[in-house]
């Protein structure tokens, strides 16, 4: 069974993505920020993380750094807004987030996210 940890502070977006992934047979745990997500990682076996970058309490870059300390090979997909808006806020390029396995730009189509999840999971199991 594949369990995805979805880290997104926008509740409606998190719920929508969670519902979509569950339709495709994934178990999804939603977290509103990196701190809550780190708690879930301590309690539950996770197969894949999908995280936003711009969030309260702990941004996605700091969250990924923390995940990598204990879970160096856990696949992480960064889902964030346009590179320009994120670059200006965090000073990074979302395409090259250190520690990220893959990136997808919001807004994205459900089928594109599912295809990326399937690809990352297949690559991880190869």
PDB file of N, CA and C in Angstrom:
ATOM      1  N   UNK A   1       0.846  -1.191   0.000  1.00  0.00           N
ATOM      2  CA  UNK A   1       0.000   0.000   0.000  1.00  0.00           C
ATOM      3  C   UNK A   1       0.889   1.253   0.000  1.00  0.00           C
ATOM      4  N   UNK A   2       0.544   2.212  -0.831  1.00  0.00           N
ATOM      5  CA  UNK A   2       1.289   3.458  -0.921  1.00  0.00           C
ATOM      6  C   UNK A   2       0.604   4.513  -0.062  1.00  0.00           C
ATOM      7  N   UNK A   3       1.341   5.056   0.901  1.00  0.00           N
ATOM      8  CA  UNK A   3       0.822   6.125   1.746  1.00  0.00           C
ATOM      9  C   UNK A   3       1.570   7.407   1.399  1.00  0.00           C
ATOM     10  N   UNK A   4       0.802   8.419   1.029  1.00  0.00           N
ATOM     11  CA  UNK A   4       1.354   9.715   0.641  1.00  0.00           C
ATOM     12  C   UNK A   4       1.091  10.723   1.751  1.00  0.00           C
ATOM     13  N   UNK A   5       2.136  11.455   2.122  1.00  0.00           N
ATOM     14  CA  UNK A   5       2.001  12.561   3.059  1.00  0.00           C
ATOM     15  C   UNK A   5       1.916  13.840   2.236  1.00  0.00           C
ATOM     16  N   UNK A   6       0.773  14.509   2.308  1.00  0.00           N
ATOM     17  CA  UNK A   6       0.508  15.717   1.526  1.00  0.00           C
ATOM     18  C   UNK A   6       0.617  16.929   2.446  1.00  0.00           C
ATOM     19  N   UNK A   7       1.598  17.781   2.193  1.00  0.00           N
ATOM     20  CA  UNK A   7       1.860  18.935   3.050  1.00  0.00           C
ATOM     21  C   UNK A   7       1.481  20.195   2.283  1.00  0.00           C
ATOM     22  N   UNK A   8       0.368  20.792   2.684  1.00  0.00           N
ATOM     23  CA  UNK A   8      -0.188  21.956   1.967  1.00  0.00           C
ATOM     24  C   UNK A   8      -0.995  22.774   2.957  1.00  0.00           C
ATOM     25  N   UNK A   9      -0.690  24.074   3.066  1.00  0.00           N
ATOM     26  CA  UNK A   9      -1.393  24.915   4.036  1.00  0.00           C
ATOM     27  C   UNK A   9      -2.753  25.399   3.543  1.00  0.00           C
ATOM     28  N   UNK A  10      -3.005  25.381   2.248  1.00  0.00           N
ATOM     29  CA  UNK A  10      -4.313  25.795   1.731  1.00  0.00           C
ATOM     30  C   UNK A  10      -5.273  24.609   1.834  1.00  0.00           C
ATOM     31  N   UNK A  11      -6.243  24.722   2.750  1.00  0.00           N
ATOM     32  CA  UNK A  11      -7.117  23.595   3.089  1.00  0.00           C
ATOM     33  C   UNK A  11      -7.875  23.060   1.877  1.00  0.00           C
ATOM     34  N   UNK A  12      -8.485  23.931   1.088  1.00  0.00           N
ATOM     35  CA  UNK A  12      -9.280  23.459  -0.049  1.00  0.00           C
ATOM     36  C   UNK A  12      -8.418  22.733  -1.075  1.00  0.00           C
ATOM     37  N   UNK A  13      -7.236  23.252  -1.336  1.00  0.00           N
ATOM     38  CA  UNK A  13      -6.334  22.600  -2.271  1.00  0.00           C
ATOM     39  C   UNK A  13      -5.893  21.248  -1.717  1.00  0.00           C
ATOM     40  N   UNK A  14      -5.536  21.214  -0.430  1.00  0.00           N
ATOM     41  CA  UNK A  14      -5.104  19.959   0.198  1.00  0.00           C
ATOM     42  C   UNK A  14      -6.214  18.912   0.112  1.00  0.00           C
ATOM     43  N   UNK A  15      -7.440  19.309   0.439  1.00  0.00           N
ATOM     44  CA  UNK A  15      -8.552  18.362   0.397  1.00  0.00           C
ATOM     45  C   UNK A  15      -8.828  17.887  -1.025  1.00  0.00           C
ATOM     46  N   UNK A  16      -8.736  18.782  -2.000  1.00  0.00           N
ATOM     47  CA  UNK A  16      -8.972  18.408  -3.396  1.00  0.00           C
ATOM     48  C   UNK A  16      -7.940  17.425  -3.908  1.00  0.00           C
ATOM     49  N   UNK A  17      -6.670  17.701  -3.621  1.00  0.00           N
ATOM     50  CA  UNK A  17      -5.598  16.800  -4.055  1.00  0.00           C
ATOM     51  C   UNK A  17      -5.721  15.460  -3.338  1.00  0.00           C
ATOM     52  N   UNK A  18      -6.051  15.500  -2.050  1.00  0.00           N
ATOM     53  CA  UNK A  18      -6.213  14.268  -1.288  1.00  0.00           C
ATOM     54  C   UNK A  18      -7.320  13.397  -1.885  1.00  0.00           C
ATOM     55  N   UNK A  19      -8.458  13.998  -2.189  1.00  0.00           N
ATOM     56  CA  UNK A  19      -9.569  13.249  -2.790  1.00  0.00           C
ATOM     57  C   UNK A  19      -9.159  12.636  -4.126  1.00  0.00           C
ATOM     58  N   UNK A  20      -8.468  13.421  -4.945  1.00  0.00           N
ATOM     59  CA  UNK A  20      -8.024  12.928  -6.255  1.00  0.00           C
ATOM     60  C   UNK A  20      -7.119  11.712  -6.099  1.00  0.00           C
ATOM     61  N   UNK A  21      -6.130  11.807  -5.233  1.00  0.00           N
ATOM     62  CA  UNK A  21      -5.185  10.705  -5.060  1.00  0.00           C
ATOM     63  C   UNK A  21      -5.866   9.466  -4.470  1.00  0.00           C
ATOM     64  N   UNK A  22      -6.834   9.693  -3.591  1.00  0.00           N
ATOM     65  CA  UNK A  22      -7.556   8.563  -3.000  1.00  0.00           C
ATOM     66  C   UNK A  22      -8.389   7.828  -4.050  1.00  0.00           C
ATOM     67  N   UNK A  23      -8.924   8.561  -5.029  1.00  0.00           N
ATOM     68  CA  UNK A  23      -9.671   7.931  -6.130  1.00  0.00           C
ATOM     69  C   UNK A  23      -8.764   6.952  -6.878  1.00  0.00           C
ATOM     70  N   UNK A  24      -7.480   7.282  -6.956  1.00  0.00           N
ATOM     71  CA  UNK A  24      -6.512   6.421  -7.650  1.00  0.00           C
ATOM     72  C   UNK A  24      -5.935   5.334  -6.745  1.00  0.00           C
ATOM     73  N   UNK A  25      -6.492   5.190  -5.546  1.00  0.00           N
ATOM     74  CA  UNK A  25      -6.113   4.080  -4.678  1.00  0.00           C
ATOM     75  C   UNK A  25      -5.012   4.359  -3.675  1.00  0.00           C
ATOM     76  N   UNK A  26      -4.584   5.608  -3.578  1.00  0.00           N
ATOM     77  CA  UNK A  26      -3.541   5.940  -2.610  1.00  0.00           C
ATOM     78  C   UNK A  26      -4.161   6.274  -1.256  1.00  0.00           C
ATOM     79  N   UNK A  27      -3.456   5.959  -0.193  1.00  0.00           N
ATOM     80  CA  UNK A  27      -3.815   6.430   1.136  1.00  0.00           C
ATOM     81  C   UNK A  27      -3.103   7.763   1.317  1.00  0.00           C
ATOM     82  N   UNK A  28      -3.843   8.792   1.715  1.00  0.00           N
ATOM     83  CA  UNK A  28      -3.265  10.132   1.811  1.00  0.00           C
ATOM     84  C   UNK A  28      -3.484  10.700   3.209  1.00  0.00           C
ATOM     85  N   UNK A  29      -2.406  11.198   3.794  1.00  0.00           N
ATOM     86  CA  UNK A  29      -2.468  11.893   5.076  1.00  0.00           C
ATOM     87  C   UNK A  29      -2.173  13.359   4.791  1.00  0.00           C
ATOM     88  N   UNK A  30      -3.073  14.235   5.208  1.00  0.00           N
ATOM     89  CA  UNK A  30      -2.884  15.670   4.982  1.00  0.00           C
ATOM     90  C   UNK A  30      -2.264  16.343   6.191  1.00  0.00           C
ATOM     91  N   UNK A  31      -1.357  17.272   5.927  1.00  0.00           N
ATOM     92  CA  UNK A  31      -0.738  18.080   6.980  1.00  0.00           C
ATOM     93  C   UNK A  31      -0.739  19.537   6.533  1.00  0.00           C
ATOM     94  N   UNK A  32      -1.003  20.446   7.454  1.00  0.00           N
ATOM     95  CA  UNK A  32      -1.097  21.864   7.127  1.00  0.00           C
ATOM     96  C   UNK A  32       0.217  22.609   7.100  1.00  0.00           C
ATOM     97  N   UNK A  33       1.273  21.991   7.643  1.00  0.00           N
ATOM     98  CA  UNK A  33       2.584  22.636   7.630  1.00  0.00           C
ATOM     99  C   UNK A  33       3.665  21.583   7.872  1.00  0.00           C
ATOM    100  N   UNK A  34       4.908  22.009   7.753  1.00  0.00           N
ATOM    101  CA  UNK A  34       6.032  21.089   7.889  1.00  0.00           C
ATOM    102  C   UNK A  34       6.156  20.476   9.273  1.00  0.00           C
ATOM    103  N   UNK A  35       5.817  21.222  10.303  1.00  0.00           N
ATOM    104  CA  UNK A  35       5.925  20.705  11.672  1.00  0.00           C
ATOM    105  C   UNK A  35       4.938  19.560  11.889  1.00  0.00           C
ATOM    106  N   UNK A  36       3.690  19.764  11.458  1.00  0.00           N
ATOM    107  CA  UNK A  36       2.684  18.702  11.551  1.00  0.00           C
ATOM    108  C   UNK A  36       3.113  17.486  10.718  1.00  0.00           C
ATOM    109  N   UNK A  37       3.673  17.740   9.548  1.00  0.00           N
ATOM    110  CA  UNK A  37       4.116  16.656   8.673  1.00  0.00           C
ATOM    111  C   UNK A  37       5.248  15.846   9.308  1.00  0.00           C
ATOM    112  N   UNK A  38       6.183  16.518   9.973  1.00  0.00           N
ATOM    113  CA  UNK A  38       7.272  15.803  10.652  1.00  0.00           C
ATOM    114  C   UNK A  38       6.722  14.899  11.752  1.00  0.00           C
ATOM    115  N   UNK A  39       5.668  15.349  12.442  1.00  0.00           N
ATOM    116  CA  UNK A  39       5.023  14.499  13.450  1.00  0.00           C
ATOM    117  C   UNK A  39       4.448  13.238  12.809  1.00  0.00           C
ATOM    118  N   UNK A  40       3.784  13.396  11.663  1.00  0.00           N
ATOM    119  CA  UNK A  40       3.231  12.236  10.955  1.00  0.00           C
ATOM    120  C   UNK A  40       4.339  11.265  10.550  1.00  0.00           C
ATOM    121  N   UNK A  41       5.460  11.804  10.086  1.00  0.00           N
ATOM    122  CA  UNK A  41       6.583  10.954   9.668  1.00  0.00           C
ATOM    123  C   UNK A  41       7.109  10.096  10.818  1.00  0.00           C
ATOM    124  N   UNK A  42       7.020  10.607  12.037  1.00  0.00           N
ATOM    125  CA  UNK A  42       7.469   9.849  13.212  1.00  0.00           C
ATOM    126  C   UNK A  42       6.508   8.704  13.538  1.00  0.00           C
ATOM    127  N   UNK A  43       5.221   8.867  13.199  1.00  0.00           N
ATOM    128  CA  UNK A  43       4.184   7.924  13.614  1.00  0.00           C
ATOM    129  C   UNK A  43       3.792   6.895  12.558  1.00  0.00           C
ATOM    130  N   UNK A  44       3.989   7.207  11.281  1.00  0.00           N
ATOM    131  CA  UNK A  44       3.392   6.434  10.201  1.00  0.00           C
ATOM    132  C   UNK A  44       4.400   6.149   9.096  1.00  0.00           C
ATOM    133  N   UNK A  45       4.435   4.922   8.577  1.00  0.00           N
ATOM    134  CA  UNK A  45       5.286   4.656   7.412  1.00  0.00           C
ATOM    135  C   UNK A  45       4.751   5.405   6.182  1.00  0.00           C
ATOM    136  N   UNK A  46       5.593   6.216   5.580  1.00  0.00           N
ATOM    137  CA  UNK A  46       5.203   7.034   4.427  1.00  0.00           C
ATOM    138  C   UNK A  46       5.992   6.561   3.205  1.00  0.00           C
ATOM    139  N   UNK A  47       5.292   6.458   2.055  1.00  0.00           N
ATOM    140  CA  UNK A  47       5.927   6.027   0.808  1.00  0.00           C
ATOM    141  C   UNK A  47       6.419   7.198  -0.031  1.00  0.00           C
ATOM    142  N   UNK A  48       5.728   8.348   0.094  1.00  0.00           N
ATOM    143  CA  UNK A  48       5.994   9.503  -0.760  1.00  0.00           C
ATOM    144  C   UNK A  48       5.486  10.757  -0.059  1.00  0.00           C
ATOM    145  N   UNK A  49       6.208  11.854  -0.242  1.00  0.00           N
ATOM    146  CA  UNK A  49       5.756  13.149   0.273  1.00  0.00           C
ATOM    147  C   UNK A  49       5.495  14.078  -0.910  1.00  0.00           C
ATOM    148  N   UNK A  50       4.374  14.802  -0.835  1.00  0.00           N
ATOM    149  CA  UNK A  50       4.111  15.911  -1.757  1.00  0.00           C
ATOM    150  C   UNK A  50       4.025  17.144  -0.872  1.00  0.00           C
ATOM    151  N   UNK A  51       4.877  18.136  -1.121  1.00  0.00           N
ATOM    152  CA  UNK A  51       4.901  19.311  -0.250  1.00  0.00           C
ATOM    153  C   UNK A  51       4.891  20.618  -1.030  1.00  0.00           C
ATOM    154  N   UNK A  52       4.213  21.573  -0.443  1.00  0.00           N
ATOM    155  CA  UNK A  52       4.262  22.950  -0.917  1.00  0.00           C
ATOM    156  C   UNK A  52       5.596  23.542  -0.436  1.00  0.00           C
ATOM    157  N   UNK A  53       5.982  24.678  -0.970  1.00  0.00           N
ATOM    158  CA  UNK A  53       7.196  25.353  -0.504  1.00  0.00           C
ATOM    159  C   UNK A  53       6.886  26.508   0.439  1.00  0.00           C
ATOM    160  N   UNK A  54       5.889  27.312   0.088  1.00  0.00           N
ATOM    161  CA  UNK A  54       5.572  28.500   0.880  1.00  0.00           C
ATOM    162  C   UNK A  54       4.461  28.147   1.864  1.00  0.00           C
ATOM    163  N   UNK A  55       4.852  27.974   3.135  1.00  0.00           N
ATOM    164  CA  UNK A  55       3.909  27.582   4.185  1.00  0.00           C
ATOM    165  C   UNK A  55       4.279  28.298   5.478  1.00  0.00           C
ATOM    166  N   UNK A  56       3.303  28.422   6.399  1.00  0.00           N
ATOM    167  CA  UNK A  56       3.609  29.017   7.699  1.00  0.00           C
ATOM    168  C   UNK A  56       4.420  28.047   8.565  1.00  0.00           C
ATOM    169  N   UNK A  57       5.011  28.557   9.604  1.00  0.00           N
ATOM    170  CA  UNK A  57       5.762  27.814  10.618  1.00  0.00           C
ATOM    171  C   UNK A  57       7.079  27.250  10.096  1.00  0.00           C
ATOM    172  N   UNK A  58       7.039  26.489   9.003  1.00  0.00           N
ATOM    173  CA  UNK A  58       8.251  25.907   8.430  1.00  0.00           C
ATOM    174  C   UNK A  58       8.059  25.834   6.924  1.00  0.00           C
ATOM    175  N   UNK A  59       8.920  26.510   6.162  1.00  0.00           N
ATOM    176  CA  UNK A  59       8.733  26.457   4.708  1.00  0.00           C
ATOM    177  C   UNK A  59       9.173  25.098   4.163  1.00  0.00           C
ATOM    178  N   UNK A  60       8.841  24.851   2.916  1.00  0.00           N
ATOM    179  CA  UNK A  60       9.105  23.553   2.309  1.00  0.00           C
ATOM    180  C   UNK A  60      10.569  23.193   2.225  1.00  0.00           C
ATOM    181  N   UNK A  61      11.433  24.185   2.021  1.00  0.00           N
ATOM    182  CA  UNK A  61      12.868  23.912   1.939  1.00  0.00           C
ATOM    183  C   UNK A  61      13.379  23.396   3.284  1.00  0.00           C
ATOM    184  N   UNK A  62      12.998  24.061   4.363  1.00  0.00           N
ATOM    185  CA  UNK A  62      13.406  23.626   5.704  1.00  0.00           C
ATOM    186  C   UNK A  62      12.813  22.253   6.025  1.00  0.00           C
ATOM    187  N   UNK A  63      11.567  22.037   5.621  1.00  0.00           N
ATOM    188  CA  UNK A  63      10.919  20.743   5.849  1.00  0.00           C
ATOM    189  C   UNK A  63      11.685  19.626   5.135  1.00  0.00           C
ATOM    190  N   UNK A  64      12.025  19.846   3.869  1.00  0.00           N
ATOM    191  CA  UNK A  64      12.759  18.825   3.103  1.00  0.00           C
ATOM    192  C   UNK A  64      14.115  18.542   3.760  1.00  0.00           C
ATOM    193  N   UNK A  65      14.781  19.594   4.238  1.00  0.00           N
ATOM    194  CA  UNK A  65      16.068  19.399   4.919  1.00  0.00           C
ATOM    195  C   UNK A  65      15.896  18.491   6.137  1.00  0.00           C
ATOM    196  N   UNK A  66      14.829  18.704   6.898  1.00  0.00           N
ATOM    197  CA  UNK A  66      14.569  17.877   8.086  1.00  0.00           C
ATOM    198  C   UNK A  66      14.247  16.430   7.698  1.00  0.00           C
ATOM    199  N   UNK A  67      13.439  16.266   6.658  1.00  0.00           N
ATOM    200  CA  UNK A  67      13.086  14.915   6.197  1.00  0.00           C
ATOM    201  C   UNK A  67      14.349  14.164   5.788  1.00  0.00           C
ATOM    202  N   UNK A  68      15.230  14.818   5.058  1.00  0.00           N
ATOM    203  CA  UNK A  68      16.436  14.169   4.531  1.00  0.00           C
ATOM    204  C   UNK A  68      17.372  13.675   5.640  1.00  0.00           C
ATOM    205  N   UNK A  69      17.314  14.287   6.817  1.00  0.00           N
ATOM    206  CA  UNK A  69      18.168  13.853   7.923  1.00  0.00           C
ATOM    207  C   UNK A  69      17.836  12.430   8.356  1.00  0.00           C
ATOM    208  N   UNK A  70      16.545  12.090   8.397  1.00  0.00           N
ATOM    209  CA  UNK A  70      16.127  10.762   8.865  1.00  0.00           C
ATOM    210  C   UNK A  70      15.682   9.838   7.737  1.00  0.00           C
ATOM    211  N   UNK A  71      15.306  10.404   6.615  1.00  0.00           N
ATOM    212  CA  UNK A  71      14.763   9.618   5.495  1.00  0.00           C
ATOM    213  C   UNK A  71      15.444  10.039   4.194  1.00  0.00           C
ATOM    214  N   UNK A  72      16.720   9.708   4.035  1.00  0.00           N
ATOM    215  CA  UNK A  72      17.469  10.213   2.873  1.00  0.00           C
ATOM    216  C   UNK A  72      16.953   9.733   1.519  1.00  0.00           C
ATOM    217  N   UNK A  73      16.257   8.604   1.468  1.00  0.00           N
ATOM    218  CA  UNK A  73      15.822   8.090   0.166  1.00  0.00           C
ATOM    219  C   UNK A  73      14.317   8.204  -0.063  1.00  0.00           C
ATOM    220  N   UNK A  74      13.579   8.801   0.862  1.00  0.00           N
ATOM    221  CA  UNK A  74      12.131   8.951   0.705  1.00  0.00           C
ATOM    222  C   UNK A  74      11.839   9.924  -0.438  1.00  0.00           C
ATOM    223  N   UNK A  75      11.049   9.510  -1.444  1.00  0.00           N
ATOM    224  CA  UNK A  75      10.770  10.425  -2.559  1.00  0.00           C
ATOM    225  C   UNK A  75       9.915  11.622  -2.126  1.00  0.00           C
ATOM    226  N   UNK A  76      10.291  12.792  -2.632  1.00  0.00           N
ATOM    227  CA  UNK A  76       9.590  14.029  -2.301  1.00  0.00           C
ATOM    228  C   UNK A  76       9.280  14.778  -3.591  1.00  0.00           C
ATOM    229  N   UNK A  77       7.989  15.074  -3.792  1.00  0.00           N
ATOM    230  CA  UNK A  77       7.554  15.915  -4.910  1.00  0.00           C
ATOM    231  C   UNK A  77       7.231  17.292  -4.351  1.00  0.00           C
ATOM    232  N   UNK A  78       7.834  18.317  -4.925  1.00  0.00           N
ATOM    233  CA  UNK A  78       7.516  19.694  -4.551  1.00  0.00           C
ATOM    234  C   UNK A  78       6.430  20.191  -5.492  1.00  0.00           C
ATOM    235  N   UNK A  79       5.326  20.662  -4.907  1.00  0.00           N
ATOM    236  CA  UNK A  79       4.231  21.249  -5.680  1.00  0.00           C
ATOM    237  C   UNK A  79       4.109  22.693  -5.227  1.00  0.00           C
ATOM    238  N   UNK A  80       4.472  23.618  -6.106  1.00  0.00           N
ATOM    239  CA  UNK A  80       4.446  25.005  -5.682  1.00  0.00           C
ATOM    240  C   UNK A  80       4.013  25.918  -6.811  1.00  0.00           C
ATOM    241  N   UNK A  81       3.797  27.175  -6.446  1.00  0.00           N
ATOM    242  CA  UNK A  81       3.355  28.165  -7.421  1.00  0.00           C
ATOM    243  C   UNK A  81       4.404  28.422  -8.482  1.00  0.00           C
ATOM    244  N   UNK A  82       4.171  29.407  -9.292  1.00  0.00           N
ATOM    245  CA  UNK A  82       5.077  29.694 -10.392  1.00  0.00           C
ATOM    246  C   UNK A  82       6.477  29.949  -9.869  1.00  0.00           C
ATOM    247  N   UNK A  83       7.486  29.541 -10.633  1.00  0.00           N
ATOM    248  CA  UNK A  83       8.866  29.740 -10.167  1.00  0.00           C
ATOM    249  C   UNK A  83       9.176  31.190  -9.809  1.00  0.00           C
ATOM    250  N   UNK A  84       8.608  32.143 -10.538  1.00  0.00           N
ATOM    251  CA  UNK A  84       8.907  33.547 -10.270  1.00  0.00           C
ATOM    252  C   UNK A  84       8.434  33.962  -8.881  1.00  0.00           C
ATOM    253  N   UNK A  85       7.199  33.585  -8.511  1.00  0.00           N
ATOM    254  CA  UNK A  85       6.678  34.010  -7.211  1.00  0.00           C
ATOM    255  C   UNK A  85       7.428  33.318  -6.082  1.00  0.00           C
ATOM    256  N   UNK A  86       7.772  32.053  -6.254  1.00  0.00           N
ATOM    257  CA  UNK A  86       8.493  31.329  -5.210  1.00  0.00           C
ATOM    258  C   UNK A  86       9.926  31.830  -5.115  1.00  0.00           C
ATOM    259  N   UNK A  87      10.547  32.071  -6.248  1.00  0.00           N
ATOM    260  CA  UNK A  87      11.924  32.575  -6.245  1.00  0.00           C
ATOM    261  C   UNK A  87      12.000  33.888  -5.484  1.00  0.00           C
ATOM    262  N   UNK A  88      11.036  34.751  -5.711  1.00  0.00           N
ATOM    263  CA  UNK A  88      11.084  36.039  -5.037  1.00  0.00           C
ATOM    264  C   UNK A  88      10.875  35.898  -3.535  1.00  0.00           C
ATOM    265  N   UNK A  89      10.065  34.924  -3.104  1.00  0.00           N
ATOM    266  CA  UNK A  89       9.802  34.769  -1.672  1.00  0.00           C
ATOM    267  C   UNK A  89      10.875  33.961  -0.951  1.00  0.00           C
ATOM    268  N   UNK A  90      11.414  32.929  -1.601  1.00  0.00           N
ATOM    269  CA  UNK A  90      12.367  32.049  -0.930  1.00  0.00           C
ATOM    270  C   UNK A  90      13.777  32.135  -1.487  1.00  0.00           C
ATOM    271  N   UNK A  91      13.925  32.830  -2.604  1.00  0.00           N
ATOM    272  CA  UNK A  91      15.247  32.972  -3.177  1.00  0.00           C
ATOM    273  C   UNK A  91      15.791  31.691  -3.783  1.00  0.00           C
ATOM    274  N   UNK A  92      14.897  30.848  -4.300  1.00  0.00           N
ATOM    275  CA  UNK A  92      15.333  29.595  -4.929  1.00  0.00           C
ATOM    276  C   UNK A  92      14.581  29.382  -6.227  1.00  0.00           C
ATOM    277  N   UNK A  93      15.019  28.413  -6.982  1.00  0.00           N
ATOM    278  CA  UNK A  93      14.342  28.007  -8.206  1.00  0.00           C
ATOM    279  C   UNK A  93      13.634  26.694  -7.900  1.00  0.00           C
ATOM    280  N   UNK A  94      12.308  26.647  -8.036  1.00  0.00           N
ATOM    281  CA  UNK A  94      11.553  25.450  -7.647  1.00  0.00           C
ATOM    282  C   UNK A  94      11.964  24.227  -8.444  1.00  0.00           C
ATOM    283  N   UNK A  95      12.538  24.410  -9.606  1.00  0.00           N
ATOM    284  CA  UNK A  95      12.928  23.261 -10.411  1.00  0.00           C
ATOM    285  C   UNK A  95      14.132  22.557  -9.782  1.00  0.00           C
ATOM    286  N   UNK A  96      14.885  23.267  -8.960  1.00  0.00           N
ATOM    287  CA  UNK A  96      16.103  22.703  -8.371  1.00  0.00           C
ATOM    288  C   UNK A  96      16.090  22.799  -6.845  1.00  0.00           C
ATOM    289  N   UNK A  97      14.999  22.371  -6.227  1.00  0.00           N
ATOM    290  CA  UNK A  97      14.925  22.412  -4.772  1.00  0.00           C
ATOM    291  C   UNK A  97      15.827  21.318  -4.212  1.00  0.00           C
ATOM    292  N   UNK A  98      16.805  21.677  -3.383  1.00  0.00           N
ATOM    293  CA  UNK A  98      17.706  20.652  -2.841  1.00  0.00           C
ATOM    294  C   UNK A  98      16.930  19.576  -2.090  1.00  0.00           C
ATOM    295  N   UNK A  99      17.187  18.328  -2.419  1.00  0.00           N
ATOM    296  CA  UNK A  99      16.539  17.210  -1.741  1.00  0.00           C
ATOM    297  C   UNK A  99      15.250  16.740  -2.381  1.00  0.00           C
ATOM    298  N   UNK A 100      14.704  17.509  -3.315  1.00  0.00           N
ATOM    299  CA  UNK A 100      13.456  17.113  -3.965  1.00  0.00           C
ATOM    300  C   UNK A 100      13.726  16.083  -5.058  1.00  0.00           C
ATOM    301  N   UNK A 101      12.828  15.120  -5.170  1.00  0.00           N
ATOM    302  CA  UNK A 101      12.912  14.097  -6.206  1.00  0.00           C
ATOM    303  C   UNK A 101      12.356  14.633  -7.525  1.00  0.00           C
ATOM    304  N   UNK A 102      11.255  15.404  -7.424  1.00  0.00           N
ATOM    305  CA  UNK A 102      10.577  15.945  -8.607  1.00  0.00           C
ATOM    306  C   UNK A 102       9.805  17.190  -8.193  1.00  0.00           C
ATOM    307  N   UNK A 103       9.418  17.990  -9.187  1.00  0.00           N
ATOM    308  CA  UNK A 103       8.650  19.212  -8.937  1.00  0.00           C
ATOM    309  C   UNK A 103       7.484  19.296  -9.911  1.00  0.00           C
ATOM    310  N   UNK A 104       6.396  19.923  -9.445  1.00  0.00           N
ATOM    311  CA  UNK A 104       5.257  20.211 -10.316  1.00  0.00           C
ATOM    312  C   UNK A 104       4.785  21.623  -9.967  1.00  0.00           C
ATOM    313  N   UNK A 105       4.447  22.393 -10.985  1.00  0.00           N
ATOM    314  CA  UNK A 105       4.056  23.786 -10.788  1.00  0.00           C
ATOM    315  C   UNK A 105       2.538  23.897 -10.654  1.00  0.00           C
ATOM    316  N   UNK A 106       2.082  24.637  -9.626  1.00  0.00           N
ATOM    317  CA  UNK A 106       0.655  24.927  -9.451  1.00  0.00           C
ATOM    318  C   UNK A 106       0.285  26.081 -10.364  1.00  0.00           C
ATOM    319  N   UNK A 107      -0.902  26.135 -10.885  1.00  0.00           N
ATOM    320  CA  UNK A 107      -1.912  25.074 -10.787  1.00  0.00           C
ATOM    321  C   UNK A 107      -1.572  23.936 -11.745  1.00  0.00           C
ATOM    322  N   UNK A 108      -1.828  22.718 -11.309  1.00  0.00           N
ATOM    323  CA  UNK A 108      -1.565  21.552 -12.143  1.00  0.00           C
ATOM    324  C   UNK A 108      -2.861  20.785 -12.345  1.00  0.00           C
ATOM    325  N   UNK A 109      -2.896  19.986 -13.389  1.00  0.00           N
ATOM    326  CA  UNK A 109      -4.051  19.128 -13.643  1.00  0.00           C
ATOM    327  C   UNK A 109      -3.902  17.865 -12.800  1.00  0.00           C
ATOM    328  N   UNK A 110      -5.015  17.345 -12.321  1.00  0.00           N
ATOM    329  CA  UNK A 110      -4.998  16.128 -11.501  1.00  0.00           C
ATOM    330  C   UNK A 110      -4.269  15.000 -12.201  1.00  0.00           C
ATOM    331  N   UNK A 111      -4.543  14.828 -13.499  1.00  0.00           N
ATOM    332  CA  UNK A 111      -3.914  13.719 -14.239  1.00  0.00           C
ATOM    333  C   UNK A 111      -2.396  13.881 -14.298  1.00  0.00           C
ATOM    334  N   UNK A 112      -1.915  15.138 -14.352  1.00  0.00           N
ATOM    335  CA  UNK A 112      -0.467  15.373 -14.382  1.00  0.00           C
ATOM    336  C   UNK A 112       0.173  15.016 -13.041  1.00  0.00           C
ATOM    337  N   UNK A 113      -0.511  15.353 -11.943  1.00  0.00           N
ATOM    338  CA  UNK A 113       0.015  14.997 -10.622  1.00  0.00           C
ATOM    339  C   UNK A 113       0.026  13.485 -10.442  1.00  0.00           C
ATOM    340  N   UNK A 114      -1.063  12.832 -10.811  1.00  0.00           N
ATOM    341  CA  UNK A 114      -1.128  11.372 -10.675  1.00  0.00           C
ATOM    342  C   UNK A 114      -0.049  10.708 -11.519  1.00  0.00           C
ATOM    343  N   UNK A 115       0.157  11.193 -12.739  1.00  0.00           N
ATOM    344  CA  UNK A 115       1.205  10.630 -13.605  1.00  0.00           C
ATOM    345  C   UNK A 115       2.581  10.811 -12.970  1.00  0.00           C
ATOM    346  N   UNK A 116       2.823  11.968 -12.360  1.00  0.00           N
ATOM    347  CA  UNK A 116       4.111  12.216 -11.714  1.00  0.00           C
ATOM    348  C   UNK A 116       4.288  11.306 -10.495  1.00  0.00           C
ATOM    349  N   UNK A 117       3.231  11.157  -9.694  1.00  0.00           N
ATOM    350  CA  UNK A 117       3.281  10.256  -8.530  1.00  0.00           C
ATOM    351  C   UNK A 117       3.608   8.840  -8.994  1.00  0.00           C
ATOM    352  N   UNK A 118       2.923   8.376 -10.037  1.00  0.00           N
ATOM    353  CA  UNK A 118       3.165   7.019 -10.549  1.00  0.00           C
ATOM    354  C   UNK A 118       4.602   6.860 -11.051  1.00  0.00           C
ATOM    355  N   UNK A 119       5.111   7.879 -11.739  1.00  0.00           N
ATOM    356  CA  UNK A 119       6.485   7.821 -12.253  1.00  0.00           C
ATOM    357  C   UNK A 119       7.497   7.782 -11.104  1.00  0.00           C
ATOM    358  N   UNK A 120       7.323   8.657 -10.124  1.00  0.00           N
ATOM    359  CA  UNK A 120       8.256   8.717  -9.001  1.00  0.00           C
ATOM    360  C   UNK A 120       8.215   7.399  -8.222  1.00  0.00           C
ATOM    361  N   UNK A 121       7.022   6.845  -8.013  1.00  0.00           N
ATOM    362  CA  UNK A 121       6.925   5.571  -7.283  1.00  0.00           C
ATOM    363  C   UNK A 121       7.564   4.438  -8.075  1.00  0.00           C
ATOM    364  N   UNK A 122       7.365   4.426  -9.382  1.00  0.00           N
ATOM    365  CA  UNK A 122       7.973   3.388 -10.222  1.00  0.00           C
ATOM    366  C   UNK A 122       9.502   3.503 -10.212  1.00  0.00           C
ATOM    367  N   UNK A 123      10.004   4.734 -10.300  1.00  0.00           N
ATOM    368  CA  UNK A 123      11.453   4.956 -10.275  1.00  0.00           C
ATOM    369  C   UNK A 123      12.052   4.542  -8.923  1.00  0.00           C
ATOM    370  N   UNK A 124      11.293   4.772  -7.865  1.00  0.00           N
ATOM    371  CA  UNK A 124      11.763   4.450  -6.513  1.00  0.00           C
ATOM    372  C   UNK A 124      11.853   2.923  -6.329  1.00  0.00           C
ATOM    373  N   UNK A 125      10.904   2.210  -6.912  1.00  0.00           N
ATOM    374  CA  UNK A 125      10.854   0.756  -6.744  1.00  0.00           C
ATOM    375  C   UNK A 125      11.735   0.025  -7.745  1.00  0.00           C
ATOM    376  N   UNK A 126      12.260   0.747  -8.740  1.00  0.00           N
ATOM    377  CA  UNK A 126      13.085   0.106  -9.782  1.00  0.00           C
ATOM    378  C   UNK A 126      14.435  -0.324  -9.254  1.00  0.00           C
TER     379      UNK A 126
END
